[in-house]
Amino acid sequence: MKNVILLTCFAALSLASCGQNSNNMKTDNKKREVTKSDEEWRKQLTPMQYEVTTNAGTERAFTGEYWNNHDTGMYYCVRCGEPLFSSDTKFDSGTGWPSFYAPVEKNNVDENVDSSYGMMRTEVVCHKCGAHLGHLFDDGPKPTGERYCINSASLKFEKKDK
């Protein structure tokens, strides 16, 4: 009987955590420099950009525009234009998403606790507008050991002429 109770409790907790919508992690109440209504964001963004940046969605691996981009340049927030990542810090993580070992300026991104989907992760958002960008992991290369795993849909890339 004790095992049945434990199993039932474990199943209930698993279902509750798996059923969490990623929107539940959007609890940051920071004052943002750029704010727009939901309607304005929908007009400005493609459906995928809106889903990723507003609803903390994730594009499928190896499908985003920039995962295999090797050009030199700067990656900006697709919503507000804030400079986020330089191609100088981009590396091939093998994950299918653009990965960087550092933002262009640490203050240009904010980090939030993300406990959605039964996992503990660090969400990365644009400091200026609060757009969901992706997640931060501690399995990156030197010099930081960090991997900013970022959705292409949250970025706009501007190529720099050599």
N, C-alpha and C. Protein backbone atom coordinates (compact mmCIF):
# COMPACT_ATOMS: atom_id res chain seq x y z
N MET A 1 0.83 -1.19 0.00
CA MET A 1 0.00 0.00 0.00
C MET A 1 0.87 1.26 0.00
N LYS A 2 1.95 1.22 0.79
CA LYS A 2 2.86 2.37 0.86
C LYS A 2 3.46 2.66 -0.52
N ASN A 3 3.83 1.61 -1.26
CA ASN A 3 4.40 1.78 -2.60
C ASN A 3 3.38 2.38 -3.56
N VAL A 4 2.12 1.98 -3.44
CA VAL A 4 1.06 2.52 -4.30
C VAL A 4 0.89 4.02 -4.04
N ILE A 5 0.93 4.42 -2.80
CA ILE A 5 0.79 5.83 -2.44
C ILE A 5 1.98 6.63 -2.97
N LEU A 6 3.17 6.09 -2.78
CA LEU A 6 4.36 6.78 -3.29
C LEU A 6 4.32 6.88 -4.81
N LEU A 7 3.92 5.82 -5.46
CA LEU A 7 3.84 5.82 -6.92
C LEU A 7 2.79 6.82 -7.41
N THR A 8 1.67 6.90 -6.72
CA THR A 8 0.61 7.85 -7.08
C THR A 8 1.09 9.28 -6.91
N CYS A 9 1.78 9.54 -5.80
CA CYS A 9 2.30 10.90 -5.58
C CYS A 9 3.33 11.27 -6.64
N PHE A 10 4.23 10.33 -6.95
CA PHE A 10 5.24 10.59 -7.98
C PHE A 10 4.59 10.86 -9.33
N ALA A 11 3.57 10.08 -9.68
CA ALA A 11 2.87 10.27 -10.96
C ALA A 11 2.19 11.63 -10.99
N ALA A 12 1.57 12.02 -9.91
CA ALA A 12 0.89 13.31 -9.85
C ALA A 12 1.87 14.46 -10.01
N LEU A 13 3.01 14.37 -9.33
CA LEU A 13 4.03 15.41 -9.45
C LEU A 13 4.59 15.46 -10.87
N SER A 14 4.82 14.30 -11.46
CA SER A 14 5.35 14.26 -12.82
C SER A 14 4.38 14.89 -13.80
N LEU A 15 3.11 14.56 -13.68
CA LEU A 15 2.11 15.14 -14.58
C LEU A 15 2.00 16.64 -14.39
N ALA A 16 2.06 17.08 -13.15
CA ALA A 16 1.95 18.52 -12.89
C ALA A 16 3.13 19.27 -13.49
N SER A 17 4.34 18.72 -13.33
CA SER A 17 5.50 19.44 -13.85
C SER A 17 5.56 19.35 -15.36
N CYS A 18 5.19 18.23 -15.95
CA CYS A 18 5.21 18.11 -17.41
C CYS A 18 4.12 18.95 -18.04
N GLY A 19 3.07 19.19 -17.31
CA GLY A 19 1.96 19.97 -17.85
C GLY A 19 2.16 21.47 -17.73
N GLN A 20 3.25 21.87 -17.12
CA GLN A 20 3.50 23.30 -16.98
C GLN A 20 3.73 23.91 -18.34
N ASN A 21 3.06 24.99 -18.59
CA ASN A 21 3.28 25.75 -19.81
C ASN A 21 4.49 26.63 -19.60
N SER A 22 5.29 26.80 -20.64
CA SER A 22 6.48 27.63 -20.50
C SER A 22 6.12 29.07 -20.15
N ASN A 23 4.87 29.48 -20.36
CA ASN A 23 4.46 30.83 -19.96
C ASN A 23 4.56 31.02 -18.46
N ASN A 24 4.48 29.93 -17.69
CA ASN A 24 4.55 30.02 -16.24
C ASN A 24 5.87 30.57 -15.76
N MET A 25 6.91 30.48 -16.57
CA MET A 25 8.20 30.98 -16.13
C MET A 25 8.32 32.47 -16.33
N LYS A 26 7.40 33.10 -17.01
CA LYS A 26 7.48 34.53 -17.29
C LYS A 26 6.98 35.31 -16.08
N THR A 27 7.76 35.29 -15.03
CA THR A 27 7.36 35.97 -13.81
C THR A 27 8.20 37.20 -13.54
N ASP A 28 9.02 37.58 -14.48
CA ASP A 28 9.89 38.72 -14.22
C ASP A 28 9.08 40.01 -14.33
N ASN A 29 9.20 40.82 -13.33
CA ASN A 29 8.43 42.06 -13.26
C ASN A 29 9.31 43.29 -13.47
N LYS A 30 10.43 43.11 -14.17
CA LYS A 30 11.35 44.22 -14.39
C LYS A 30 10.72 45.25 -15.31
N LYS A 31 11.03 46.49 -15.05
CA LYS A 31 10.59 47.57 -15.93
C LYS A 31 11.47 47.54 -17.17
N ARG A 32 10.85 47.45 -18.32
CA ARG A 32 11.58 47.34 -19.58
C ARG A 32 11.54 48.67 -20.32
N GLU A 33 12.62 48.96 -21.05
CA GLU A 33 12.70 50.20 -21.84
C GLU A 33 11.75 50.17 -23.03
N VAL A 34 11.57 48.99 -23.60
CA VAL A 34 10.69 48.84 -24.76
C VAL A 34 9.53 47.97 -24.38
N THR A 35 8.33 48.53 -24.44
CA THR A 35 7.11 47.77 -24.18
C THR A 35 6.12 48.05 -25.29
N LYS A 36 5.42 47.01 -25.69
CA LYS A 36 4.39 47.14 -26.71
C LYS A 36 3.23 46.24 -26.32
N SER A 37 2.08 46.52 -26.90
CA SER A 37 0.92 45.68 -26.65
C SER A 37 1.10 44.36 -27.40
N ASP A 38 0.36 43.38 -26.99
CA ASP A 38 0.38 42.08 -27.64
C ASP A 38 0.07 42.23 -29.14
N GLU A 39 -0.87 43.07 -29.45
CA GLU A 39 -1.25 43.32 -30.85
C GLU A 39 -0.07 43.92 -31.64
N GLU A 40 0.64 44.86 -31.03
CA GLU A 40 1.79 45.48 -31.70
C GLU A 40 2.90 44.45 -31.96
N TRP A 41 3.17 43.57 -30.96
CA TRP A 41 4.19 42.54 -31.17
C TRP A 41 3.76 41.60 -32.30
N ARG A 42 2.49 41.23 -32.34
CA ARG A 42 2.00 40.32 -33.39
C ARG A 42 2.16 40.94 -34.78
N LYS A 43 1.97 42.25 -34.89
CA LYS A 43 2.12 42.93 -36.18
C LYS A 43 3.58 42.99 -36.61
N GLN A 44 4.48 43.16 -35.65
CA GLN A 44 5.90 43.32 -35.94
C GLN A 44 6.60 42.00 -36.26
N LEU A 45 6.18 40.93 -35.63
CA LEU A 45 6.91 39.65 -35.67
C LEU A 45 6.21 38.60 -36.52
N THR A 46 7.00 37.65 -37.02
CA THR A 46 6.41 36.48 -37.67
C THR A 46 5.76 35.63 -36.58
N PRO A 47 4.89 34.69 -36.95
CA PRO A 47 4.30 33.83 -35.91
C PRO A 47 5.34 33.09 -35.07
N MET A 48 6.41 32.59 -35.68
CA MET A 48 7.45 31.89 -34.92
C MET A 48 8.21 32.85 -34.01
N GLN A 49 8.54 34.04 -34.50
CA GLN A 49 9.23 35.02 -33.66
C GLN A 49 8.36 35.40 -32.46
N TYR A 50 7.06 35.56 -32.70
CA TYR A 50 6.15 35.91 -31.62
C TYR A 50 6.09 34.77 -30.59
N GLU A 51 5.93 33.54 -31.06
CA GLU A 51 5.82 32.39 -30.17
C GLU A 51 7.07 32.25 -29.30
N VAL A 52 8.23 32.39 -29.91
CA VAL A 52 9.49 32.24 -29.16
C VAL A 52 9.70 33.39 -28.19
N THR A 53 9.61 34.62 -28.67
CA THR A 53 9.97 35.77 -27.83
C THR A 53 8.91 36.14 -26.80
N THR A 54 7.65 35.89 -27.11
CA THR A 54 6.56 36.30 -26.22
C THR A 54 6.08 35.16 -25.33
N ASN A 55 6.00 33.95 -25.89
CA ASN A 55 5.47 32.80 -25.15
C ASN A 55 6.56 31.83 -24.71
N ALA A 56 7.81 32.22 -24.83
CA ALA A 56 8.95 31.38 -24.43
C ALA A 56 8.93 30.05 -25.17
N GLY A 57 8.55 30.10 -26.44
CA GLY A 57 8.56 28.90 -27.26
C GLY A 57 9.98 28.55 -27.67
N THR A 58 10.11 27.42 -28.35
CA THR A 58 11.41 26.96 -28.85
C THR A 58 11.24 26.44 -30.26
N GLU A 59 12.09 26.91 -31.15
CA GLU A 59 12.08 26.36 -32.50
C GLU A 59 12.73 24.98 -32.49
N ARG A 60 12.38 24.14 -33.44
CA ARG A 60 12.98 22.81 -33.51
C ARG A 60 14.48 22.93 -33.84
N ALA A 61 15.25 22.02 -33.30
CA ALA A 61 16.69 22.01 -33.55
C ALA A 61 16.98 21.86 -35.04
N PHE A 62 18.03 22.51 -35.49
CA PHE A 62 18.52 22.47 -36.87
C PHE A 62 17.54 23.06 -37.89
N THR A 63 16.59 23.87 -37.44
CA THR A 63 15.63 24.49 -38.36
C THR A 63 15.74 26.00 -38.40
N GLY A 64 16.36 26.60 -37.41
CA GLY A 64 16.45 28.05 -37.33
C GLY A 64 17.42 28.63 -38.35
N GLU A 65 17.21 29.88 -38.64
CA GLU A 65 17.98 30.57 -39.67
C GLU A 65 19.48 30.67 -39.36
N TYR A 66 19.84 30.75 -38.08
CA TYR A 66 21.23 31.06 -37.74
C TYR A 66 22.03 29.94 -37.10
N TRP A 67 21.46 28.78 -36.90
CA TRP A 67 22.19 27.72 -36.20
C TRP A 67 23.50 27.37 -36.91
N ASN A 68 23.53 27.49 -38.23
CA ASN A 68 24.72 27.12 -39.00
C ASN A 68 25.34 28.34 -39.69
N ASN A 69 25.07 29.52 -39.18
CA ASN A 69 25.61 30.75 -39.75
C ASN A 69 27.06 30.93 -39.30
N HIS A 70 27.95 31.10 -40.26
CA HIS A 70 29.37 31.28 -39.94
C HIS A 70 29.88 32.65 -40.38
N ASP A 71 28.97 33.55 -40.74
CA ASP A 71 29.36 34.90 -41.15
C ASP A 71 29.78 35.72 -39.94
N THR A 72 30.59 36.74 -40.21
CA THR A 72 31.03 37.65 -39.16
C THR A 72 30.00 38.77 -39.03
N GLY A 73 29.62 39.08 -37.80
CA GLY A 73 28.65 40.14 -37.58
C GLY A 73 28.09 40.14 -36.18
N MET A 74 26.95 40.81 -36.04
CA MET A 74 26.32 41.00 -34.74
C MET A 74 24.90 40.45 -34.77
N TYR A 75 24.50 39.83 -33.65
CA TYR A 75 23.15 39.31 -33.47
C TYR A 75 22.40 40.26 -32.54
N TYR A 76 21.26 40.75 -33.01
CA TYR A 76 20.43 41.71 -32.28
C TYR A 76 19.11 41.07 -31.87
N CYS A 77 18.47 41.64 -30.88
CA CYS A 77 17.13 41.20 -30.49
C CYS A 77 16.17 41.51 -31.62
N VAL A 78 15.39 40.53 -32.03
CA VAL A 78 14.45 40.70 -33.14
C VAL A 78 13.32 41.66 -32.76
N ARG A 79 13.06 41.83 -31.48
CA ARG A 79 11.97 42.72 -31.07
C ARG A 79 12.42 44.17 -30.94
N CYS A 80 13.55 44.42 -30.26
CA CYS A 80 13.91 45.81 -29.96
C CYS A 80 15.22 46.28 -30.56
N GLY A 81 15.99 45.38 -31.16
CA GLY A 81 17.24 45.77 -31.78
C GLY A 81 18.44 45.86 -30.86
N GLU A 82 18.29 45.44 -29.60
CA GLU A 82 19.41 45.47 -28.65
C GLU A 82 20.52 44.53 -29.14
N PRO A 83 21.78 44.98 -29.16
CA PRO A 83 22.87 44.06 -29.52
C PRO A 83 23.04 43.00 -28.43
N LEU A 84 23.03 41.73 -28.83
CA LEU A 84 23.07 40.65 -27.86
C LEU A 84 24.33 39.79 -27.92
N PHE A 85 24.67 39.30 -29.11
CA PHE A 85 25.79 38.38 -29.25
C PHE A 85 26.60 38.72 -30.49
N SER A 86 27.90 38.54 -30.39
CA SER A 86 28.80 38.75 -31.51
C SER A 86 29.16 37.39 -32.12
N SER A 87 29.38 37.37 -33.41
CA SER A 87 29.83 36.13 -34.05
C SER A 87 31.17 35.67 -33.48
N ASP A 88 31.92 36.59 -32.85
CA ASP A 88 33.20 36.24 -32.24
C ASP A 88 33.06 35.23 -31.10
N THR A 89 31.87 35.19 -30.47
CA THR A 89 31.66 34.27 -29.35
C THR A 89 30.77 33.09 -29.73
N LYS A 90 30.40 32.99 -31.00
CA LYS A 90 29.55 31.89 -31.46
C LYS A 90 30.40 30.64 -31.67
N PHE A 91 29.85 29.49 -31.32
CA PHE A 91 30.56 28.23 -31.52
C PHE A 91 29.56 27.14 -31.90
N ASP A 92 30.06 26.08 -32.49
CA ASP A 92 29.22 24.95 -32.89
C ASP A 92 29.08 24.00 -31.71
N SER A 93 27.91 24.02 -31.10
CA SER A 93 27.65 23.18 -29.93
C SER A 93 27.12 21.81 -30.33
N GLY A 94 26.72 21.67 -31.59
CA GLY A 94 26.14 20.41 -32.04
C GLY A 94 24.69 20.23 -31.63
N THR A 95 24.09 21.26 -31.04
CA THR A 95 22.72 21.16 -30.54
C THR A 95 21.66 21.51 -31.57
N GLY A 96 22.05 22.25 -32.62
CA GLY A 96 21.08 22.68 -33.63
C GLY A 96 20.52 24.06 -33.39
N TRP A 97 21.03 24.76 -32.38
CA TRP A 97 20.65 26.14 -32.11
C TRP A 97 21.92 26.99 -32.09
N PRO A 98 21.81 28.28 -32.42
CA PRO A 98 22.99 29.14 -32.28
C PRO A 98 23.45 29.13 -30.82
N SER A 99 24.73 28.96 -30.63
CA SER A 99 25.29 28.91 -29.28
C SER A 99 26.44 29.90 -29.17
N PHE A 100 26.49 30.58 -28.04
CA PHE A 100 27.49 31.60 -27.78
C PHE A 100 28.06 31.37 -26.39
N TYR A 101 29.34 31.71 -26.18
CA TYR A 101 29.90 31.54 -24.84
C TYR A 101 29.79 32.81 -24.01
N ALA A 102 29.33 33.92 -24.60
CA ALA A 102 29.13 35.16 -23.83
C ALA A 102 28.29 36.14 -24.64
N PRO A 103 27.49 36.95 -23.95
CA PRO A 103 26.79 38.03 -24.65
C PRO A 103 27.77 39.16 -24.95
N VAL A 104 27.38 40.04 -25.86
CA VAL A 104 28.25 41.17 -26.22
C VAL A 104 28.46 42.08 -25.01
N GLU A 105 27.44 42.24 -24.19
CA GLU A 105 27.51 42.96 -22.90
C GLU A 105 26.65 42.17 -21.92
N LYS A 106 27.20 41.83 -20.78
CA LYS A 106 26.47 41.03 -19.78
C LYS A 106 25.16 41.70 -19.38
N ASN A 107 25.14 43.04 -19.35
CA ASN A 107 23.93 43.77 -18.95
C ASN A 107 22.84 43.78 -20.03
N ASN A 108 23.14 43.29 -21.22
CA ASN A 108 22.14 43.29 -22.30
C ASN A 108 21.19 42.11 -22.21
N VAL A 109 21.52 41.13 -21.36
CA VAL A 109 20.63 39.99 -21.15
C VAL A 109 20.37 39.82 -19.66
N ASP A 110 19.19 39.32 -19.36
CA ASP A 110 18.82 38.99 -17.99
C ASP A 110 18.63 37.49 -17.90
N GLU A 111 18.79 36.96 -16.71
CA GLU A 111 18.63 35.54 -16.46
C GLU A 111 17.51 35.33 -15.46
N ASN A 112 16.63 34.38 -15.78
CA ASN A 112 15.51 34.05 -14.91
C ASN A 112 15.52 32.55 -14.63
N VAL A 113 15.00 32.16 -13.48
CA VAL A 113 14.82 30.74 -13.17
C VAL A 113 13.67 30.22 -14.01
N ASP A 114 13.90 29.10 -14.68
CA ASP A 114 12.88 28.45 -15.50
C ASP A 114 12.68 27.04 -14.97
N SER A 115 11.54 26.82 -14.35
CA SER A 115 11.23 25.49 -13.81
C SER A 115 10.14 24.80 -14.62
N SER A 116 9.95 25.23 -15.86
CA SER A 116 8.93 24.63 -16.71
C SER A 116 9.34 23.22 -17.15
N TYR A 117 8.38 22.44 -17.49
CA TYR A 117 8.59 21.10 -18.03
C TYR A 117 9.35 20.19 -17.06
N GLY A 118 9.26 20.47 -15.78
CA GLY A 118 9.87 19.61 -14.79
C GLY A 118 11.38 19.70 -14.73
N MET A 119 11.96 20.75 -15.28
CA MET A 119 13.41 20.93 -15.28
C MET A 119 13.76 22.25 -14.61
N MET A 120 14.98 22.33 -14.12
CA MET A 120 15.49 23.59 -13.59
C MET A 120 16.53 24.09 -14.59
N ARG A 121 16.22 25.23 -15.21
CA ARG A 121 17.14 25.82 -16.19
C ARG A 121 17.21 27.31 -15.94
N THR A 122 18.12 27.95 -16.67
CA THR A 122 18.23 29.40 -16.60
C THR A 122 17.76 29.96 -17.94
N GLU A 123 16.67 30.70 -17.89
CA GLU A 123 16.15 31.36 -19.08
C GLU A 123 16.94 32.63 -19.34
N VAL A 124 17.18 32.93 -20.62
CA VAL A 124 17.87 34.16 -21.01
C VAL A 124 16.87 35.04 -21.74
N VAL A 125 16.75 36.30 -21.31
CA VAL A 125 15.84 37.26 -21.93
C VAL A 125 16.57 38.55 -22.26
N CYS A 126 16.07 39.27 -23.23
CA CYS A 126 16.62 40.57 -23.57
C CYS A 126 16.33 41.55 -22.44
N HIS A 127 17.36 42.24 -21.98
CA HIS A 127 17.21 43.19 -20.89
C HIS A 127 16.29 44.36 -21.28
N LYS A 128 16.38 44.79 -22.52
CA LYS A 128 15.67 45.99 -22.96
C LYS A 128 14.16 45.77 -23.13
N CYS A 129 13.76 44.59 -23.67
CA CYS A 129 12.33 44.38 -23.94
C CYS A 129 11.74 43.14 -23.29
N GLY A 130 12.58 42.30 -22.69
CA GLY A 130 12.09 41.10 -22.01
C GLY A 130 11.82 39.92 -22.93
N ALA A 131 12.24 39.99 -24.19
CA ALA A 131 12.01 38.88 -25.13
C ALA A 131 12.73 37.63 -24.66
N HIS A 132 12.02 36.50 -24.71
CA HIS A 132 12.66 35.22 -24.44
C HIS A 132 13.64 34.93 -25.56
N LEU A 133 14.87 34.60 -25.21
CA LEU A 133 15.91 34.31 -26.20
C LEU A 133 16.25 32.82 -26.25
N GLY A 134 16.35 32.20 -25.09
CA GLY A 134 16.75 30.80 -25.01
C GLY A 134 17.14 30.47 -23.59
N HIS A 135 18.17 29.63 -23.44
CA HIS A 135 18.60 29.19 -22.12
C HIS A 135 20.12 29.21 -22.00
N LEU A 136 20.57 29.26 -20.76
CA LEU A 136 22.00 29.28 -20.44
C LEU A 136 22.37 27.98 -19.74
N PHE A 137 23.46 27.36 -20.22
CA PHE A 137 23.95 26.12 -19.64
C PHE A 137 25.42 26.27 -19.29
N ASP A 138 25.92 25.42 -18.41
CA ASP A 138 27.31 25.53 -17.96
C ASP A 138 28.22 24.51 -18.64
N ASP A 139 27.93 24.17 -19.89
CA ASP A 139 28.74 23.19 -20.61
C ASP A 139 29.39 23.79 -21.86
N GLY A 140 29.67 25.07 -21.82
CA GLY A 140 30.28 25.74 -22.96
C GLY A 140 31.80 25.70 -22.94
N PRO A 141 32.40 26.27 -23.97
CA PRO A 141 33.87 26.27 -24.06
C PRO A 141 34.51 27.38 -23.22
N LYS A 142 35.82 27.35 -23.15
CA LYS A 142 36.57 28.43 -22.52
C LYS A 142 36.42 29.67 -23.38
N PRO A 143 36.47 30.83 -22.88
CA PRO A 143 36.95 31.17 -21.55
C PRO A 143 35.87 31.19 -20.48
N THR A 144 34.58 31.11 -20.83
CA THR A 144 33.53 31.26 -19.81
C THR A 144 32.98 29.94 -19.31
N GLY A 145 33.03 28.90 -20.14
CA GLY A 145 32.41 27.63 -19.77
C GLY A 145 30.90 27.66 -19.89
N GLU A 146 30.37 28.75 -20.45
CA GLU A 146 28.91 28.91 -20.58
C GLU A 146 28.47 28.68 -22.02
N ARG A 147 27.22 28.20 -22.16
CA ARG A 147 26.61 28.04 -23.48
C ARG A 147 25.26 28.72 -23.47
N TYR A 148 25.20 29.84 -24.16
CA TYR A 148 23.93 30.53 -24.36
C TYR A 148 23.30 29.88 -25.58
N CYS A 149 22.31 29.05 -25.35
CA CYS A 149 21.62 28.31 -26.40
C CYS A 149 20.41 29.16 -26.81
N ILE A 150 20.48 29.79 -27.98
CA ILE A 150 19.55 30.86 -28.34
C ILE A 150 18.74 30.47 -29.59
N ASN A 151 17.47 30.78 -29.58
CA ASN A 151 16.60 30.54 -30.73
C ASN A 151 16.91 31.55 -31.84
N SER A 152 17.08 31.06 -33.06
CA SER A 152 17.27 31.97 -34.20
C SER A 152 16.12 32.95 -34.32
N ALA A 153 14.91 32.49 -34.00
CA ALA A 153 13.72 33.33 -34.15
C ALA A 153 13.74 34.54 -33.24
N SER A 154 14.59 34.55 -32.24
CA SER A 154 14.68 35.71 -31.34
C SER A 154 15.75 36.69 -31.78
N LEU A 155 16.46 36.36 -32.85
CA LEU A 155 17.60 37.15 -33.28
C LEU A 155 17.43 37.75 -34.67
N LYS A 156 18.14 38.84 -34.89
CA LYS A 156 18.30 39.43 -36.22
C LYS A 156 19.81 39.59 -36.40
N PHE A 157 20.34 39.06 -37.49
CA PHE A 157 21.77 39.09 -37.73
C PHE A 157 22.12 40.16 -38.74
N GLU A 158 23.15 40.94 -38.44
CA GLU A 158 23.68 41.92 -39.39
C GLU A 158 25.12 41.55 -39.68
N LYS A 159 25.36 41.22 -40.94
CA LYS A 159 26.68 40.80 -41.38
C LYS A 159 27.62 42.00 -41.40
N LYS A 160 28.85 41.75 -40.97
CA LYS A 160 29.88 42.78 -40.98
C LYS A 160 30.80 42.50 -42.16
N ASP A 161 31.06 43.51 -42.95
CA ASP A 161 31.98 43.35 -44.07
C ASP A 161 33.40 43.20 -43.54
N LYS A 162 34.13 42.29 -44.15
CA LYS A 162 35.51 42.04 -43.70
C LYS A 162 36.45 43.08 -44.18
